[in-house]
C-alpha atoms as a PDB file:
ATOM      1  CA  MET A   1       0.463  -5.651  -6.330  1.00  0.00           C
ATOM      2  CA  SER A   2       3.335  -7.684  -7.917  1.00  0.00           C
ATOM      3  CA  GLY A   3       5.320 -10.227  -6.145  1.00  0.00           C
ATOM      4  CA  LYS A   4       8.720 -11.708  -6.452  1.00  0.00           C
ATOM      5  CA  ALA A   5       9.847 -12.230 -10.312  1.00  0.00           C
ATOM      6  CA  GLY A   6       7.004 -10.520 -11.920  1.00  0.00           C
ATOM      7  CA  GLU A   7       4.415 -12.593 -10.144  1.00  0.00           C
ATOM      8  CA  VAL A   8       1.094 -10.507 -10.687  1.00  0.00           C
ATOM      9  CA  GLN A   9      -1.462 -10.793  -7.888  1.00  0.00           C
ATOM     10  CA  LYS A  10      -5.237 -10.415  -8.389  1.00  0.00           C
ATOM     11  CA  PRO A  11      -6.297  -6.657  -8.376  1.00  0.00           C
ATOM     12  CA  ILE A  12      -8.145  -5.751  -4.902  1.00  0.00           C
ATOM     13  CA  LYS A  13     -10.672  -2.775  -5.407  1.00  0.00           C
ATOM     14  CA  LYS A  14     -11.005  -0.561  -2.464  1.00  0.00           C
ATOM     15  CA  ILE A  15     -12.366   2.988  -2.041  1.00  0.00           C
ATOM     16  CA  TRP A  16      -9.918   4.956  -0.024  1.00  0.00           C
ATOM     17  CA  ASN A  17     -10.898   8.019   2.216  1.00  0.00           C
ATOM     18  CA  GLY A  18     -10.351  11.300   0.710  1.00  0.00           C
ATOM     19  CA  SER A  19      -8.860  14.663   2.202  1.00  0.00           C
ATOM     20  CA  THR A  20     -11.293  17.447   2.613  1.00  0.00           C
ATOM     21  CA  ASN A  21      -9.191  19.340   0.017  1.00  0.00           C
ATOM     22  CA  ASN A  22      -9.318  16.443  -2.486  1.00  0.00           C
ATOM     23  CA  THR A  23      -5.340  16.196  -2.549  1.00  0.00           C
ATOM     24  CA  GLN A  24      -4.634  13.187  -0.610  1.00  0.00           C
ATOM     25  CA  THR A  25      -5.992   9.625   0.047  1.00  0.00           C
ATOM     26  CA  PHE A  26      -6.226   7.470   3.190  1.00  0.00           C
ATOM     27  CA  TYR A  27      -6.295   3.592   3.424  1.00  0.00           C
ATOM     28  CA  PRO A  28      -9.641   2.835   4.635  1.00  0.00           C
ATOM     29  CA  GLY A  29     -10.029   1.045   8.297  1.00  0.00           C
ATOM     30  CA  GLY A  30      -8.293   1.815  11.376  1.00  0.00           C
ATOM     31  CA  SER A  31      -4.862   1.466  12.516  1.00  0.00           C
ATOM     32  CA  GLU A  32      -4.885  -2.439  12.439  1.00  0.00           C
ATOM     33  CA  ALA A  33      -6.186  -2.302   8.754  1.00  0.00           C
ATOM     34  CA  VAL A  34      -3.325  -0.041   7.606  1.00  0.00           C
ATOM     35  CA  ILE A  35      -0.708  -2.155   9.505  1.00  0.00           C
ATOM     36  CA  LYS A  36      -1.760  -5.304   7.496  1.00  0.00           C
ATOM     37  CA  PHE A  37      -1.828  -3.310   4.189  1.00  0.00           C
ATOM     38  CA  ILE A  38       1.777  -2.219   4.902  1.00  0.00           C
ATOM     39  CA  GLN A  39       2.889  -5.869   6.102  1.00  0.00           C
ATOM     40  CA  LYS A  40       1.375  -6.896   2.534  1.00  0.00           C
ATOM     41  CA  LEU A  41       3.304  -4.291   0.819  1.00  0.00           C
ATOM     42  CA  MET A  42       6.578  -5.673   2.586  1.00  0.00           C
ATOM     43  CA  THR A  43       5.999  -9.010   0.641  1.00  0.00           C
ATOM     44  CA  VAL A  44       6.055  -7.425  -2.772  1.00  0.00           C
ATOM     45  CA  GLY A  45       8.112  -5.395  -5.017  1.00  0.00           C
ATOM     46  CA  LYS A  46       5.411  -3.067  -6.772  1.00  0.00           C
ATOM     47  CA  PHE A  47       2.395  -1.422  -5.679  1.00  0.00           C
ATOM     48  CA  THR A  48      -0.021  -0.158  -8.379  1.00  0.00           C
ATOM     49  CA  ALA A  49      -2.743   2.249  -7.735  1.00  0.00           C
ATOM     50  CA  GLN A  50      -5.530   3.387 -10.156  1.00  0.00           C
ATOM     51  CA  ILE A  51      -7.558   6.513  -9.123  1.00  0.00           C
ATOM     52  CA  MET A  52     -10.343   8.075 -11.030  1.00  0.00           C
ATOM     53  CA  PRO A  53     -11.397  11.395  -9.276  1.00  0.00           C
ATOM     54  CA  TYR A  54     -14.897  12.408  -9.745  1.00  0.00           C
ATOM     55  CA  GLY A  55     -15.638  13.717 -13.213  1.00  0.00           C
ATOM     56  CA  GLN A  56     -12.261  13.105 -14.453  1.00  0.00           C
ATOM     57  CA  GLY A  57     -10.262  10.064 -16.333  1.00  0.00           C
ATOM     58  CA  LYS A  58      -8.423   7.369 -14.514  1.00  0.00           C
ATOM     59  CA  THR A  59      -4.751   7.840 -13.367  1.00  0.00           C
ATOM     60  CA  ILE A  60      -2.311   5.020 -12.802  1.00  0.00           C
ATOM     61  CA  ALA A  61       0.560   5.321 -10.350  1.00  0.00           C
ATOM     62  CA  VAL A  62       3.314   2.550  -9.872  1.00  0.00           C
ATOM     63  CA  PHE A  63       5.440   2.403  -6.674  1.00  0.00           C
ATOM     64  CA  ASP A  64       8.478   0.436  -6.127  1.00  0.00           C
ATOM     65  CA  VAL A  65       8.279  -0.956  -2.539  1.00  0.00           C
ATOM     66  CA  ARG A  66      11.266  -3.073  -2.496  1.00  0.00           C
ATOM     67  CA  GLY A  67      12.977  -1.309   0.312  1.00  0.00           C
ATOM     68  CA  LEU A  68       9.853  -0.923   2.508  1.00  0.00           C
ATOM     69  CA  LYS A  69      10.573  -3.885   4.588  1.00  0.00           C
ATOM     70  CA  THR A  70      14.271  -2.731   5.095  1.00  0.00           C
ATOM     71  CA  ILE A  71      12.972   0.637   6.339  1.00  0.00           C
ATOM     72  CA  VAL A  72      10.423  -1.057   8.711  1.00  0.00           C
ATOM     73  CA  GLU A  73      12.978  -3.322  10.203  1.00  0.00           C
ATOM     74  CA  GLN A  74      15.013  -0.199  11.257  1.00  0.00           C
ATOM     75  CA  HIS A  75      12.230   0.829  13.753  1.00  0.00           C
ATOM     76  CA  ASP A  76      10.481  -2.579  14.173  1.00  0.00           C
ATOM     77  CA  ASP A  77      11.694  -2.298  18.032  1.00  0.00           C
ATOM     78  CA  ILE A  78       9.042   0.559  18.262  1.00  0.00           C
ATOM     79  CA  LEU A  79       6.606  -0.628  15.547  1.00  0.00           C
ATOM     80  CA  ASN A  80       6.622  -4.208  15.973  1.00  0.00           C
ATOM     81  CA  TRP A  81       5.036  -4.900  12.467  1.00  0.00           C
ATOM     82  CA  ILE A  82       7.482  -7.669  11.316  1.00  0.00           C
ATOM     83  CA  GLU A  83       5.674 -10.939  11.923  1.00  0.00           C
ATOM     84  CA  GLU A  84       8.162 -13.681  13.054  1.00  0.00           C
ATOM     85  CA  LYS A  85       7.629 -16.859  11.136  1.00  0.00           C
END
């Protein structure tokens, strides 16, 4: 994940859960873990994921998440994911 002004955060290695047809992955843990991950994504500008399917080479995907907080704010009356500071 990258923070503001190009600040790069230390990589975090996690094994995500795969779908039964091997076309999707899911963040590990229950709802609380997923919400915390989304809250963390709301504080950064970019999310980089590296995947390495069994028996294949690695693939790197970069996601622009700068607008995520704006989207979550629009639905926070239901979600309640924005932590007041």
